[in-house]
C-alpha atoms as a PDB file:
ATOM      1  CA  MET A   1      -4.909  42.113 -50.020  1.00  0.00           C
ATOM      2  CA  PRO A   2      -1.878  43.645 -51.888  1.00  0.00           C
ATOM      3  CA  ARG A   3       1.529  43.557 -50.184  1.00  0.00           C
ATOM      4  CA  ILE A   4       3.410  46.734 -49.537  1.00  0.00           C
ATOM      5  CA  GLY A   5       6.585  46.877 -51.698  1.00  0.00           C
ATOM      6  CA  LEU A   6       9.830  48.831 -51.344  1.00  0.00           C
ATOM      7  CA  GLN A   7       8.603  51.745 -53.318  1.00  0.00           C
ATOM      8  CA  GLU A   8       5.661  52.112 -51.218  1.00  0.00           C
ATOM      9  CA  LEU A   9       7.664  51.895 -47.911  1.00  0.00           C
ATOM     10  CA  LEU A  10      10.015  54.657 -49.280  1.00  0.00           C
ATOM     11  CA  VAL A  11       7.026  56.837 -50.152  1.00  0.00           C
ATOM     12  CA  ILE A  12       5.577  56.338 -46.611  1.00  0.00           C
ATOM     13  CA  LEU A  13       8.921  57.018 -45.010  1.00  0.00           C
ATOM     14  CA  ALA A  14       9.316  60.285 -47.047  1.00  0.00           C
ATOM     15  CA  ILE A  15       5.833  61.473 -45.963  1.00  0.00           C
ATOM     16  CA  ILE A  16       6.833  60.727 -42.354  1.00  0.00           C
ATOM     17  CA  VAL A  17      10.013  62.593 -42.528  1.00  0.00           C
ATOM     18  CA  VAL A  18       8.213  65.683 -44.112  1.00  0.00           C
ATOM     19  CA  LEU A  19       5.485  65.637 -41.506  1.00  0.00           C
ATOM     20  CA  PHE A  20       7.544  65.175 -38.395  1.00  0.00           C
ATOM     21  CA  GLY A  21      10.927  66.329 -39.558  1.00  0.00           C
ATOM     22  CA  ALA A  22      14.249  64.547 -39.287  1.00  0.00           C
ATOM     23  CA  THR A  23      15.113  65.839 -35.823  1.00  0.00           C
ATOM     24  CA  LYS A  24      12.004  64.439 -34.195  1.00  0.00           C
ATOM     25  CA  LEU A  25      12.261  60.817 -35.709  1.00  0.00           C
ATOM     26  CA  PRO A  26      14.673  59.475 -33.030  1.00  0.00           C
ATOM     27  CA  ALA A  27      12.342  60.607 -30.241  1.00  0.00           C
ATOM     28  CA  LEU A  28       9.375  59.170 -31.972  1.00  0.00           C
ATOM     29  CA  GLY A  29      11.118  55.802 -32.501  1.00  0.00           C
ATOM     30  CA  ARG A  30      12.326  55.796 -28.780  1.00  0.00           C
ATOM     31  CA  GLY A  31       8.735  56.534 -27.648  1.00  0.00           C
ATOM     32  CA  LEU A  32       7.333  53.724 -29.948  1.00  0.00           C
ATOM     33  CA  GLY A  33      10.038  51.308 -28.620  1.00  0.00           C
ATOM     34  CA  GLU A  34       9.142  52.066 -25.070  1.00  0.00           C
ATOM     35  CA  ALA A  35       5.411  51.676 -25.762  1.00  0.00           C
ATOM     36  CA  ILE A  36       5.975  48.186 -27.399  1.00  0.00           C
ATOM     37  CA  LYS A  37       8.149  47.113 -24.515  1.00  0.00           C
ATOM     38  CA  ASN A  38       5.555  48.267 -21.916  1.00  0.00           C
ATOM     39  CA  PHE A  39       2.846  46.500 -23.907  1.00  0.00           C
ATOM     40  CA  LYS A  40       4.719  43.252 -24.012  1.00  0.00           C
ATOM     41  CA  LYS A  41       5.459  43.522 -20.263  1.00  0.00           C
ATOM     42  CA  GLY A  42       1.809  44.055 -19.484  1.00  0.00           C
ATOM     43  CA  VAL A  43       0.791  41.117 -21.695  1.00  0.00           C
ATOM     44  CA  LYS A  44       3.356  38.818 -19.970  1.00  0.00           C
ATOM     45  CA  GLU A  45       2.103  39.958 -16.452  1.00  0.00           C
ATOM     46  CA  GLY A  46      -1.457  39.332 -17.667  1.00  0.00           C
ATOM     47  CA  GLN A  47      -0.648  35.869 -18.582  1.00  0.00           C
ATOM     48  CA  GLY A  48       0.782  34.952 -15.111  1.00  0.00           C
ATOM     49  CA  GLY A  49       4.321  36.074 -15.540  1.00  0.00           C
ATOM     50  CA  GLY A  50       3.831  38.791 -12.909  1.00  0.00           C
ATOM     51  CA  GLU A  51       2.637  36.416 -10.273  1.00  0.00           C
ATOM     52  CA  GLU A  52       5.938  34.502 -10.390  1.00  0.00           C
ATOM     53  CA  LYS A  53       7.812  37.743  -9.681  1.00  0.00           C
ATOM     54  CA  ASP A  54       5.596  38.560  -6.770  1.00  0.00           C
ATOM     55  CA  GLU A  55       6.065  35.226  -5.358  1.00  0.00           C
ATOM     56  CA  LYS A  56       9.970  35.520  -5.542  1.00  0.00           C
ATOM     57  CA  LYS A  57       9.756  38.918  -3.806  1.00  0.00           C
ATOM     58  CA  LYS A  58       7.649  37.456  -0.992  1.00  0.00           C
ATOM     59  CA  GLU A  59      10.198  34.634  -0.395  1.00  0.00           C
ATOM     60  CA  GLU A  60      13.046  37.122  -0.005  1.00  0.00           C
END
């Protein structure tokens, strides 16, 4: 599978700017960042990380 080079990334970025507009890009980035953060949190809790937090709360 071919790799995506710098020129291809610039073309993709230009298309995104045209589609969404420069003013909406920060909001889209923020939303994407929050989604990734919540996904990682959910995965961590699913692997048992959430149980430790619950036990700590019960002890207090």
